[in-house]
Amino acid sequence: MTPQEILDIEKDIVYTLKNIYDPEIPVNIYDLGLVYEIEMTPEGTANIRMTLTAPNCPMADQLVQQVHDDVLKVKGVERVDVTLAFDPPWDRSMMSEEALLELGLM
């Protein structure tokens, strides 16, 4: 896989993540700032490091499973590894301007 192909797949992954919504906040997980890192390997593995709005989120397992399943559908992705991280802890400053506007916080 070429570096350009990797970049294109990463863009497709971002597009996919922008269609997954936090169950408690009507904003997608990417614009909420829940996705800390996306790394695509030349072998086709998408490594995604993400967090939750709260460590005790009752929907954690379902949200992680949805990220895994939806990203696995992206052309060029052969495997998905989702890692939950709570450092740094999520806060409102991680939200995109689009998310802040959507929630009326700007």
PDB file of N, CA and C in Angstrom:
ATOM      1  N   MET A   1       0.846  -1.176   0.000  1.00  0.00           N
ATOM      2  CA  MET A   1       0.000   0.000   0.000  1.00  0.00           C
ATOM      3  C   MET A   1       0.894   1.243   0.000  1.00  0.00           C
ATOM      4  N   THR A   2       0.606   2.163  -0.885  1.00  0.00           N
ATOM      5  CA  THR A   2       1.413   3.375  -0.991  1.00  0.00           C
ATOM      6  C   THR A   2       1.011   4.380   0.096  1.00  0.00           C
ATOM      7  N   PRO A   3       1.894   5.342   0.368  1.00  0.00           N
ATOM      8  CA  PRO A   3       1.526   6.379   1.349  1.00  0.00           C
ATOM      9  C   PRO A   3       0.244   7.129   0.950  1.00  0.00           C
ATOM     10  N   GLN A   4       0.056   7.369  -0.334  1.00  0.00           N
ATOM     11  CA  GLN A   4      -1.159   8.064  -0.787  1.00  0.00           C
ATOM     12  C   GLN A   4      -2.394   7.206  -0.555  1.00  0.00           C
ATOM     13  N   GLU A   5      -2.280   5.907  -0.809  1.00  0.00           N
ATOM     14  CA  GLU A   5      -3.412   5.005  -0.560  1.00  0.00           C
ATOM     15  C   GLU A   5      -3.766   4.987   0.930  1.00  0.00           C
ATOM     16  N   ILE A   6      -2.749   5.000   1.774  1.00  0.00           N
ATOM     17  CA  ILE A   6      -2.972   5.028   3.221  1.00  0.00           C
ATOM     18  C   ILE A   6      -3.709   6.308   3.609  1.00  0.00           C
ATOM     19  N   LEU A   7      -3.275   7.452   3.073  1.00  0.00           N
ATOM     20  CA  LEU A   7      -3.942   8.728   3.367  1.00  0.00           C
ATOM     21  C   LEU A   7      -5.397   8.710   2.906  1.00  0.00           C
ATOM     22  N   ASP A   8      -5.635   8.149   1.719  1.00  0.00           N
ATOM     23  CA  ASP A   8      -7.001   8.075   1.197  1.00  0.00           C
ATOM     24  C   ASP A   8      -7.882   7.210   2.085  1.00  0.00           C
ATOM     25  N   ILE A   9      -7.353   6.085   2.553  1.00  0.00           N
ATOM     26  CA  ILE A   9      -8.123   5.205   3.440  1.00  0.00           C
ATOM     27  C   ILE A   9      -8.389   5.912   4.773  1.00  0.00           C
ATOM     28  N   GLU A  10      -7.393   6.618   5.299  1.00  0.00           N
ATOM     29  CA  GLU A  10      -7.593   7.345   6.553  1.00  0.00           C
ATOM     30  C   GLU A  10      -8.688   8.401   6.404  1.00  0.00           C
ATOM     31  N   LYS A  11      -8.750   9.061   5.249  1.00  0.00           N
ATOM     32  CA  LYS A  11      -9.825  10.034   4.996  1.00  0.00           C
ATOM     33  C   LYS A  11     -11.179   9.334   4.974  1.00  0.00           C
ATOM     34  N   ASP A  12     -11.226   8.155   4.366  1.00  0.00           N
ATOM     35  CA  ASP A  12     -12.477   7.382   4.345  1.00  0.00           C
ATOM     36  C   ASP A  12     -12.878   6.948   5.752  1.00  0.00           C
ATOM     37  N   ILE A  13     -11.896   6.629   6.580  1.00  0.00           N
ATOM     38  CA  ILE A  13     -12.180   6.256   7.963  1.00  0.00           C
ATOM     39  C   ILE A  13     -12.772   7.451   8.712  1.00  0.00           C
ATOM     40  N   VAL A  14     -12.196   8.630   8.520  1.00  0.00           N
ATOM     41  CA  VAL A  14     -12.729   9.838   9.163  1.00  0.00           C
ATOM     42  C   VAL A  14     -14.181  10.051   8.730  1.00  0.00           C
ATOM     43  N   TYR A  15     -14.441   9.914   7.434  1.00  0.00           N
ATOM     44  CA  TYR A  15     -15.810  10.058   6.925  1.00  0.00           C
ATOM     45  C   TYR A  15     -16.741   9.064   7.620  1.00  0.00           C
ATOM     46  N   THR A  16     -16.288   7.840   7.773  1.00  0.00           N
ATOM     47  CA  THR A  16     -17.080   6.802   8.438  1.00  0.00           C
ATOM     48  C   THR A  16     -17.336   7.174   9.899  1.00  0.00           C
ATOM     49  N   LEU A  17     -16.295   7.644  10.595  1.00  0.00           N
ATOM     50  CA  LEU A  17     -16.443   8.001  12.006  1.00  0.00           C
ATOM     51  C   LEU A  17     -17.376   9.195  12.192  1.00  0.00           C
ATOM     52  N   LYS A  18     -17.457  10.057  11.181  1.00  0.00           N
ATOM     53  CA  LYS A  18     -18.364  11.207  11.257  1.00  0.00           C
ATOM     54  C   LYS A  18     -19.825  10.792  11.090  1.00  0.00           C
ATOM     55  N   ASN A  19     -20.054   9.521  10.837  1.00  0.00           N
ATOM     56  CA  ASN A  19     -21.414   8.993  10.733  1.00  0.00           C
ATOM     57  C   ASN A  19     -21.782   8.112  11.918  1.00  0.00           C
ATOM     58  N   ILE A  20     -20.941   8.119  12.946  1.00  0.00           N
ATOM     59  CA  ILE A  20     -21.222   7.383  14.185  1.00  0.00           C
ATOM     60  C   ILE A  20     -21.468   8.426  15.276  1.00  0.00           C
ATOM     61  N   TYR A  21     -22.608   8.320  15.917  1.00  0.00           N
ATOM     62  CA  TYR A  21     -22.999   9.327  16.894  1.00  0.00           C
ATOM     63  C   TYR A  21     -22.937   8.796  18.316  1.00  0.00           C
ATOM     64  N   ASP A  22     -22.492   9.665  19.218  1.00  0.00           N
ATOM     65  CA  ASP A  22     -22.530   9.353  20.635  1.00  0.00           C
ATOM     66  C   ASP A  22     -23.997   9.168  21.016  1.00  0.00           C
ATOM     67  N   PRO A  23     -24.324   8.117  21.749  1.00  0.00           N
ATOM     68  CA  PRO A  23     -25.731   7.857  22.062  1.00  0.00           C
ATOM     69  C   PRO A  23     -26.392   8.915  22.947  1.00  0.00           C
ATOM     70  N   GLU A  24     -25.593   9.701  23.659  1.00  0.00           N
ATOM     71  CA  GLU A  24     -26.169  10.681  24.577  1.00  0.00           C
ATOM     72  C   GLU A  24     -26.088  12.109  24.062  1.00  0.00           C
ATOM     73  N   ILE A  25     -25.245  12.361  23.067  1.00  0.00           N
ATOM     74  CA  ILE A  25     -25.055  13.708  22.528  1.00  0.00           C
ATOM     75  C   ILE A  25     -25.273  13.623  21.023  1.00  0.00           C
ATOM     76  N   PRO A  26     -26.117  14.463  20.457  1.00  0.00           N
ATOM     77  CA  PRO A  26     -26.426  14.348  19.029  1.00  0.00           C
ATOM     78  C   PRO A  26     -25.337  14.910  18.109  1.00  0.00           C
ATOM     79  N   VAL A  27     -24.104  14.482  18.346  1.00  0.00           N
ATOM     80  CA  VAL A  27     -22.962  14.912  17.539  1.00  0.00           C
ATOM     81  C   VAL A  27     -22.120  13.672  17.266  1.00  0.00           C
ATOM     82  N   ASN A  28     -21.505  13.626  16.086  1.00  0.00           N
ATOM     83  CA  ASN A  28     -20.694  12.448  15.759  1.00  0.00           C
ATOM     84  C   ASN A  28     -19.435  12.388  16.625  1.00  0.00           C
ATOM     85  N   ILE A  29     -18.919  11.170  16.780  1.00  0.00           N
ATOM     86  CA  ILE A  29     -17.795  10.957  17.701  1.00  0.00           C
ATOM     87  C   ILE A  29     -16.517  11.641  17.249  1.00  0.00           C
ATOM     88  N   TYR A  30     -16.364  11.851  15.943  1.00  0.00           N
ATOM     89  CA  TYR A  30     -15.150  12.509  15.447  1.00  0.00           C
ATOM     90  C   TYR A  30     -15.166  13.989  15.831  1.00  0.00           C
ATOM     91  N   ASP A  31     -16.280  14.676  15.557  1.00  0.00           N
ATOM     92  CA  ASP A  31     -16.356  16.096  15.891  1.00  0.00           C
ATOM     93  C   ASP A  31     -16.443  16.341  17.393  1.00  0.00           C
ATOM     94  N   LEU A  32     -16.889  15.328  18.134  1.00  0.00           N
ATOM     95  CA  LEU A  32     -16.878  15.455  19.586  1.00  0.00           C
ATOM     96  C   LEU A  32     -15.461  15.417  20.150  1.00  0.00           C
ATOM     97  N   GLY A  33     -14.517  14.938  19.348  1.00  0.00           N
ATOM     98  CA  GLY A  33     -13.133  14.836  19.811  1.00  0.00           C
ATOM     99  C   GLY A  33     -12.851  13.536  20.526  1.00  0.00           C
ATOM    100  N   LEU A  34     -13.719  12.533  20.309  1.00  0.00           N
ATOM    101  CA  LEU A  34     -13.515  11.250  20.977  1.00  0.00           C
ATOM    102  C   LEU A  34     -12.460  10.384  20.298  1.00  0.00           C
ATOM    103  N   VAL A  35     -12.115  10.722  19.058  1.00  0.00           N
ATOM    104  CA  VAL A  35     -11.105   9.956  18.328  1.00  0.00           C
ATOM    105  C   VAL A  35      -9.765  10.683  18.472  1.00  0.00           C
ATOM    106  N   TYR A  36      -8.850  10.044  19.179  1.00  0.00           N
ATOM    107  CA  TYR A  36      -7.549  10.647  19.424  1.00  0.00           C
ATOM    108  C   TYR A  36      -6.567  10.384  18.289  1.00  0.00           C
ATOM    109  N   GLU A  37      -6.649   9.214  17.679  1.00  0.00           N
ATOM    110  CA  GLU A  37      -5.647   8.860  16.668  1.00  0.00           C
ATOM    111  C   GLU A  37      -6.215   7.813  15.709  1.00  0.00           C
ATOM    112  N   ILE A  38      -5.866   7.979  14.436  1.00  0.00           N
ATOM    113  CA  ILE A  38      -6.164   6.990  13.404  1.00  0.00           C
ATOM    114  C   ILE A  38      -4.848   6.694  12.705  1.00  0.00           C
ATOM    115  N   GLU A  39      -4.458   5.436  12.700  1.00  0.00           N
ATOM    116  CA  GLU A  39      -3.227   5.052  12.008  1.00  0.00           C
ATOM    117  C   GLU A  39      -3.531   3.828  11.150  1.00  0.00           C
ATOM    118  N   MET A  40      -3.273   3.970   9.883  1.00  0.00           N
ATOM    119  CA  MET A  40      -3.471   2.874   8.941  1.00  0.00           C
ATOM    120  C   MET A  40      -2.112   2.282   8.623  1.00  0.00           C
ATOM    121  N   THR A  41      -1.980   0.967   8.734  1.00  0.00           N
ATOM    122  CA  THR A  41      -0.704   0.324   8.411  1.00  0.00           C
ATOM    123  C   THR A  41      -0.709  -0.120   6.947  1.00  0.00           C
ATOM    124  N   PRO A  42       0.463  -0.291   6.352  1.00  0.00           N
ATOM    125  CA  PRO A  42       0.540  -0.772   4.972  1.00  0.00           C
ATOM    126  C   PRO A  42      -0.091  -2.160   4.787  1.00  0.00           C
ATOM    127  N   GLU A  43      -0.203  -2.913   5.886  1.00  0.00           N
ATOM    128  CA  GLU A  43      -0.792  -4.254   5.819  1.00  0.00           C
ATOM    129  C   GLU A  43      -2.317  -4.237   5.858  1.00  0.00           C
ATOM    130  N   GLY A  44      -2.908  -3.052   6.072  1.00  0.00           N
ATOM    131  CA  GLY A  44      -4.363  -2.940   6.061  1.00  0.00           C
ATOM    132  C   GLY A  44      -5.026  -2.897   7.425  1.00  0.00           C
ATOM    133  N   THR A  45      -4.236  -2.694   8.486  1.00  0.00           N
ATOM    134  CA  THR A  45      -4.813  -2.601   9.833  1.00  0.00           C
ATOM    135  C   THR A  45      -5.078  -1.141  10.177  1.00  0.00           C
ATOM    136  N   ALA A  46      -6.301  -0.876  10.600  1.00  0.00           N
ATOM    137  CA  ALA A  46      -6.665   0.463  11.076  1.00  0.00           C
ATOM    138  C   ALA A  46      -6.577   0.449  12.597  1.00  0.00           C
ATOM    139  N   ASN A  47      -5.638   1.212  13.134  1.00  0.00           N
ATOM    140  CA  ASN A  47      -5.486   1.358  14.580  1.00  0.00           C
ATOM    141  C   ASN A  47      -6.180   2.650  14.988  1.00  0.00           C
ATOM    142  N   ILE A  48      -7.176   2.524  15.837  1.00  0.00           N
ATOM    143  CA  ILE A  48      -7.946   3.693  16.265  1.00  0.00           C
ATOM    144  C   ILE A  48      -7.859   3.789  17.780  1.00  0.00           C
ATOM    145  N   ARG A  49      -7.396   4.953  18.230  1.00  0.00           N
ATOM    146  CA  ARG A  49      -7.335   5.229  19.674  1.00  0.00           C
ATOM    147  C   ARG A  49      -8.409   6.265  19.954  1.00  0.00           C
ATOM    148  N   MET A  50      -9.308   5.917  20.841  1.00  0.00           N
ATOM    149  CA  MET A  50     -10.428   6.812  21.119  1.00  0.00           C
ATOM    150  C   MET A  50     -10.747   6.806  22.600  1.00  0.00           C
ATOM    151  N   THR A  51     -11.640   7.700  22.974  1.00  0.00           N
ATOM    152  CA  THR A  51     -12.080   7.792  24.357  1.00  0.00           C
ATOM    153  C   THR A  51     -13.590   7.876  24.390  1.00  0.00           C
ATOM    154  N   LEU A  52     -14.124   8.082  25.558  1.00  0.00           N
ATOM    155  CA  LEU A  52     -15.556   8.259  25.763  1.00  0.00           C
ATOM    156  C   LEU A  52     -15.765   9.561  26.522  1.00  0.00           C
ATOM    157  N   THR A  53     -16.979  10.091  26.473  1.00  0.00           N
ATOM    158  CA  THR A  53     -17.234  11.326  27.209  1.00  0.00           C
ATOM    159  C   THR A  53     -17.130  11.109  28.710  1.00  0.00           C
ATOM    160  N   ALA A  54     -17.364   9.865  29.143  1.00  0.00           N
ATOM    161  CA  ALA A  54     -17.220   9.506  30.561  1.00  0.00           C
ATOM    162  C   ALA A  54     -16.721   8.065  30.636  1.00  0.00           C
ATOM    163  N   PRO A  55     -15.759   7.776  31.517  1.00  0.00           N
ATOM    164  CA  PRO A  55     -15.219   6.419  31.609  1.00  0.00           C
ATOM    165  C   PRO A  55     -16.258   5.350  31.934  1.00  0.00           C
ATOM    166  N   ASN A  56     -17.329   5.721  32.622  1.00  0.00           N
ATOM    167  CA  ASN A  56     -18.350   4.751  33.007  1.00  0.00           C
ATOM    168  C   ASN A  56     -19.540   4.749  32.049  1.00  0.00           C
ATOM    169  N   CYS A  57     -19.330   5.160  30.821  1.00  0.00           N
ATOM    170  CA  CYS A  57     -20.387   5.225  29.817  1.00  0.00           C
ATOM    171  C   CYS A  57     -21.041   3.848  29.653  1.00  0.00           C
ATOM    172  N   PRO A  58     -22.363   3.762  29.849  1.00  0.00           N
ATOM    173  CA  PRO A  58     -23.028   2.462  29.739  1.00  0.00           C
ATOM    174  C   PRO A  58     -23.073   1.918  28.308  1.00  0.00           C
ATOM    175  N   MET A  59     -22.818   2.769  27.334  1.00  0.00           N
ATOM    176  CA  MET A  59     -22.863   2.355  25.930  1.00  0.00           C
ATOM    177  C   MET A  59     -21.470   2.080  25.372  1.00  0.00           C
ATOM    178  N   ALA A  60     -20.462   2.026  26.208  1.00  0.00           N
ATOM    179  CA  ALA A  60     -19.074   1.889  25.765  1.00  0.00           C
ATOM    180  C   ALA A  60     -18.874   0.697  24.832  1.00  0.00           C
ATOM    181  N   ASP A  61     -19.312  -0.468  25.249  1.00  0.00           N
ATOM    182  CA  ASP A  61     -19.095  -1.670  24.442  1.00  0.00           C
ATOM    183  C   ASP A  61     -19.766  -1.560  23.076  1.00  0.00           C
ATOM    184  N   GLN A  62     -20.980  -1.044  23.060  1.00  0.00           N
ATOM    185  CA  GLN A  62     -21.702  -0.914  21.794  1.00  0.00           C
ATOM    186  C   GLN A  62     -21.045   0.109  20.879  1.00  0.00           C
ATOM    187  N   LEU A  63     -20.569   1.210  21.434  1.00  0.00           N
ATOM    188  CA  LEU A  63     -19.929   2.244  20.632  1.00  0.00           C
ATOM    189  C   LEU A  63     -18.621   1.738  20.036  1.00  0.00           C
ATOM    190  N   VAL A  64     -17.813   1.062  20.835  1.00  0.00           N
ATOM    191  CA  VAL A  64     -16.550   0.496  20.350  1.00  0.00           C
ATOM    192  C   VAL A  64     -16.829  -0.547  19.267  1.00  0.00           C
ATOM    193  N   GLN A  65     -17.849  -1.360  19.469  1.00  0.00           N
ATOM    194  CA  GLN A  65     -18.202  -2.384  18.472  1.00  0.00           C
ATOM    195  C   GLN A  65     -18.662  -1.736  17.169  1.00  0.00           C
ATOM    196  N   GLN A  66     -19.425  -0.655  17.265  1.00  0.00           N
ATOM    197  CA  GLN A  66     -19.880   0.032  16.057  1.00  0.00           C
ATOM    198  C   GLN A  66     -18.707   0.639  15.305  1.00  0.00           C
ATOM    199  N   VAL A  67     -17.760   1.246  16.029  1.00  0.00           N
ATOM    200  CA  VAL A  67     -16.561   1.792  15.381  1.00  0.00           C
ATOM    201  C   VAL A  67     -15.828   0.661  14.661  1.00  0.00           C
ATOM    202  N   HIS A  68     -15.621  -0.443  15.338  1.00  0.00           N
ATOM    203  CA  HIS A  68     -14.926  -1.587  14.741  1.00  0.00           C
ATOM    204  C   HIS A  68     -15.636  -2.051  13.476  1.00  0.00           C
ATOM    205  N   ASP A  69     -16.933  -2.315  13.600  1.00  0.00           N
ATOM    206  CA  ASP A  69     -17.690  -2.872  12.477  1.00  0.00           C
ATOM    207  C   ASP A  69     -17.772  -1.919  11.286  1.00  0.00           C
ATOM    208  N   ASP A  70     -18.014  -0.641  11.558  1.00  0.00           N
ATOM    209  CA  ASP A  70     -18.157   0.319  10.461  1.00  0.00           C
ATOM    210  C   ASP A  70     -16.829   0.590   9.765  1.00  0.00           C
ATOM    211  N   VAL A  71     -15.747   0.702  10.525  1.00  0.00           N
ATOM    212  CA  VAL A  71     -14.432   0.947   9.917  1.00  0.00           C
ATOM    213  C   VAL A  71     -13.983  -0.278   9.116  1.00  0.00           C
ATOM    214  N   LEU A  72     -14.338  -1.460   9.562  1.00  0.00           N
ATOM    215  CA  LEU A  72     -13.975  -2.674   8.835  1.00  0.00           C
ATOM    216  C   LEU A  72     -14.603  -2.721   7.442  1.00  0.00           C
ATOM    217  N   LYS A  73     -15.675  -1.987   7.236  1.00  0.00           N
ATOM    218  CA  LYS A  73     -16.344  -1.922   5.929  1.00  0.00           C
ATOM    219  C   LYS A  73     -15.648  -0.981   4.947  1.00  0.00           C
ATOM    220  N   VAL A  74     -14.707  -0.169   5.436  1.00  0.00           N
ATOM    221  CA  VAL A  74     -14.003   0.782   4.568  1.00  0.00           C
ATOM    222  C   VAL A  74     -13.099   0.008   3.613  1.00  0.00           C
ATOM    223  N   LYS A  75     -13.172   0.349   2.340  1.00  0.00           N
ATOM    224  CA  LYS A  75     -12.346  -0.327   1.332  1.00  0.00           C
ATOM    225  C   LYS A  75     -10.866  -0.160   1.669  1.00  0.00           C
ATOM    226  N   GLY A  76     -10.153  -1.278   1.697  1.00  0.00           N
ATOM    227  CA  GLY A  76      -8.725  -1.267   2.004  1.00  0.00           C
ATOM    228  C   GLY A  76      -8.405  -1.644   3.435  1.00  0.00           C
ATOM    229  N   VAL A  77      -9.411  -1.643   4.301  1.00  0.00           N
ATOM    230  CA  VAL A  77      -9.211  -2.010   5.704  1.00  0.00           C
ATOM    231  C   VAL A  77      -9.430  -3.514   5.841  1.00  0.00           C
ATOM    232  N   GLU A  78      -8.404  -4.202   6.317  1.00  0.00           N
ATOM    233  CA  GLU A  78      -8.475  -5.653   6.502  1.00  0.00           C
ATOM    234  C   GLU A  78      -8.728  -6.035   7.958  1.00  0.00           C
ATOM    235  N   ARG A  79      -8.321  -5.147   8.861  1.00  0.00           N
ATOM    236  CA  ARG A  79      -8.418  -5.428  10.295  1.00  0.00           C
ATOM    237  C   ARG A  79      -8.566  -4.100  11.032  1.00  0.00           C
ATOM    238  N   VAL A  80      -9.272  -4.125  12.153  1.00  0.00           N
ATOM    239  CA  VAL A  80      -9.457  -2.918  12.960  1.00  0.00           C
ATOM    240  C   VAL A  80      -9.101  -3.223  14.407  1.00  0.00           C
ATOM    241  N   ASP A  81      -8.257  -2.396  14.976  1.00  0.00           N
ATOM    242  CA  ASP A  81      -7.933  -2.472  16.401  1.00  0.00           C
ATOM    243  C   ASP A  81      -8.375  -1.158  17.038  1.00  0.00           C
ATOM    244  N   VAL A  82      -9.351  -1.242  17.934  1.00  0.00           N
ATOM    245  CA  VAL A  82      -9.835  -0.058  18.639  1.00  0.00           C
ATOM    246  C   VAL A  82      -9.324  -0.121  20.067  1.00  0.00           C
ATOM    247  N   THR A  83      -8.658   0.939  20.488  1.00  0.00           N
ATOM    248  CA  THR A  83      -8.129   1.034  21.842  1.00  0.00           C
ATOM    249  C   THR A  83      -8.820   2.185  22.556  1.00  0.00           C
ATOM    250  N   LEU A  84      -9.387   1.907  23.728  1.00  0.00           N
ATOM    251  CA  LEU A  84      -9.960   2.971  24.546  1.00  0.00           C
ATOM    252  C   LEU A  84      -8.867   3.566  25.421  1.00  0.00           C
ATOM    253  N   ALA A  85      -8.800   4.874  25.429  1.00  0.00           N
ATOM    254  CA  ALA A  85      -7.809   5.582  26.235  1.00  0.00           C
ATOM    255  C   ALA A  85      -8.537   6.659  27.048  1.00  0.00           C
ATOM    256  N   PHE A  86      -8.109   6.851  28.265  1.00  0.00           N
ATOM    257  CA  PHE A  86      -8.727   7.883  29.100  1.00  0.00           C
ATOM    258  C   PHE A  86      -7.705   8.934  29.538  1.00  0.00           C
ATOM    259  N   ASP A  87      -6.584   8.933  28.842  1.00  0.00           N
ATOM    260  CA  ASP A  87      -5.548   9.929  29.103  1.00  0.00           C
ATOM    261  C   ASP A  87      -5.115  10.510  27.762  1.00  0.00           C
ATOM    262  N   PRO A  88      -5.350  11.743  27.480  1.00  0.00           N
ATOM    263  CA  PRO A  88      -5.972  12.714  28.385  1.00  0.00           C
ATOM    264  C   PRO A  88      -7.476  12.487  28.476  1.00  0.00           C
ATOM    265  N   PRO A  89      -8.052  12.853  29.622  1.00  0.00           N
ATOM    266  CA  PRO A  89      -9.500  12.712  29.749  1.00  0.00           C
ATOM    267  C   PRO A  89     -10.209  13.667  28.786  1.00  0.00           C
ATOM    268  N   TRP A  90     -11.325  13.216  28.250  1.00  0.00           N
ATOM    269  CA  TRP A  90     -12.082  14.038  27.316  1.00  0.00           C
ATOM    270  C   TRP A  90     -12.684  15.231  28.036  1.00  0.00           C
ATOM    271  N   ASP A  91     -12.685  16.376  27.371  1.00  0.00           N
ATOM    272  CA  ASP A  91     -13.432  17.529  27.856  1.00  0.00           C
ATOM    273  C   ASP A  91     -13.917  18.338  26.655  1.00  0.00           C
ATOM    274  N   ARG A  92     -14.715  19.292  26.908  1.00  0.00           N
ATOM    275  CA  ARG A  92     -15.380  20.073  25.858  1.00  0.00           C
ATOM    276  C   ARG A  92     -14.399  20.756  24.904  1.00  0.00           C
ATOM    277  N   SER A  93     -13.207  21.047  25.362  1.00  0.00           N
ATOM    278  CA  SER A  93     -12.230  21.737  24.510  1.00  0.00           C
ATOM    279  C   SER A  93     -11.781  20.879  23.333  1.00  0.00           C
ATOM    280  N   MET A  94     -12.061  19.585  23.362  1.00  0.00           N
ATOM    281  CA  MET A  94     -11.664  18.674  22.285  1.00  0.00           C
ATOM    282  C   MET A  94     -12.669  18.655  21.136  1.00  0.00           C
ATOM    283  N   MET A  95     -13.795  19.315  21.327  1.00  0.00           N
ATOM    284  CA  MET A  95     -14.841  19.328  20.308  1.00  0.00           C
ATOM    285  C   MET A  95     -14.467  20.274  19.171  1.00  0.00           C
ATOM    286  N   SER A  96     -14.876  19.904  17.968  1.00  0.00           N
ATOM    287  CA  SER A  96     -14.645  20.770  16.810  1.00  0.00           C
ATOM    288  C   SER A  96     -15.580  21.979  16.904  1.00  0.00           C
ATOM    289  N   GLU A  97     -15.255  23.018  16.138  1.00  0.00           N
ATOM    290  CA  GLU A  97     -16.124  24.197  16.104  1.00  0.00           C
ATOM    291  C   GLU A  97     -17.516  23.806  15.614  1.00  0.00           C
ATOM    292  N   GLU A  98     -17.552  22.892  14.648  1.00  0.00           N
ATOM    293  CA  GLU A  98     -18.829  22.415  14.113  1.00  0.00           C
ATOM    294  C   GLU A  98     -19.688  21.811  15.219  1.00  0.00           C
ATOM    295  N   ALA A  99     -19.078  20.997  16.086  1.00  0.00           N
ATOM    296  CA  ALA A  99     -19.818  20.370  17.181  1.00  0.00           C
ATOM    297  C   ALA A  99     -20.283  21.413  18.192  1.00  0.00           C
ATOM    298  N   LEU A 100     -19.417  22.353  18.511  1.00  0.00           N
ATOM    299  CA  LEU A 100     -19.794  23.410  19.458  1.00  0.00           C
ATOM    300  C   LEU A 100     -20.969  24.217  18.924  1.00  0.00           C
ATOM    301  N   LEU A 101     -20.935  24.550  17.626  1.00  0.00           N
ATOM    302  CA  LEU A 101     -22.035  25.288  17.023  1.00  0.00           C
ATOM    303  C   LEU A 101     -23.322  24.463  17.041  1.00  0.00           C
ATOM    304  N   GLU A 102     -23.207  23.184  16.702  1.00  0.00           N
ATOM    305  CA  GLU A 102     -24.375  22.304  16.655  1.00  0.00           C
ATOM    306  C   GLU A 102     -25.062  22.202  18.017  1.00  0.00           C
ATOM    307  N   LEU A 103     -24.269  22.228  19.071  1.00  0.00           N
ATOM    308  CA  LEU A 103     -24.820  22.126  20.423  1.00  0.00           C
ATOM    309  C   LEU A 103     -25.133  23.481  21.047  1.00  0.00           C
ATOM    310  N   GLY A 104     -24.909  24.565  20.285  1.00  0.00           N
ATOM    311  CA  GLY A 104     -25.195  25.899  20.787  1.00  0.00           C
ATOM    312  C   GLY A 104     -24.245  26.358  21.861  1.00  0.00           C
ATOM    313  N   LEU A 105     -23.010  25.881  21.833  1.00  0.00           N
ATOM    314  CA  LEU A 105     -22.028  26.229  22.846  1.00  0.00           C
ATOM    315  C   LEU A 105     -21.031  27.280  22.368  1.00  0.00           C
ATOM    316  N   MET A 106     -21.301  27.835  21.195  1.00  0.00           N
ATOM    317  CA  MET A 106     -20.391  28.836  20.636  1.00  0.00           C
ATOM    318  C   MET A 106     -21.138  30.073  20.246  1.00  0.00           C
TER     319      MET A 106
END
